[in-house]
C-alpha cells in the first residue's frame, strides 16, 4: 500500500517573503544546512519545535508550509 508523501514548501515561502536564507536562519535559529535540507525536501523526521519556529518567523500556518501529496492509485488498487 502506498501512503503518499509530505512536501515541504519552505523554499517557496522564503521567496514569497523576500527573506534570504541567511536572514531566515538567524531569525529562526536554524543552521543553513538544515534550511537547505528543508528547501530540498530532504527531511525525513519533522521536529514540531522547528516547524513552530518556521511558522512564527514566516507568519504562516502549518498548512502553508506542508502539503500532503496523495499516492497515485493504480487500476488494481482502485478496484479494491
Foldseek 3Di string as FASTA:
>chain_A
DDFFDKQFCLVVLCVVQVHDLVRLCVQLVHDSVVSVCNNVVVDDDDDVSSLVSSCVVSVHDSCVGMDTGGDDDDPVRVVD
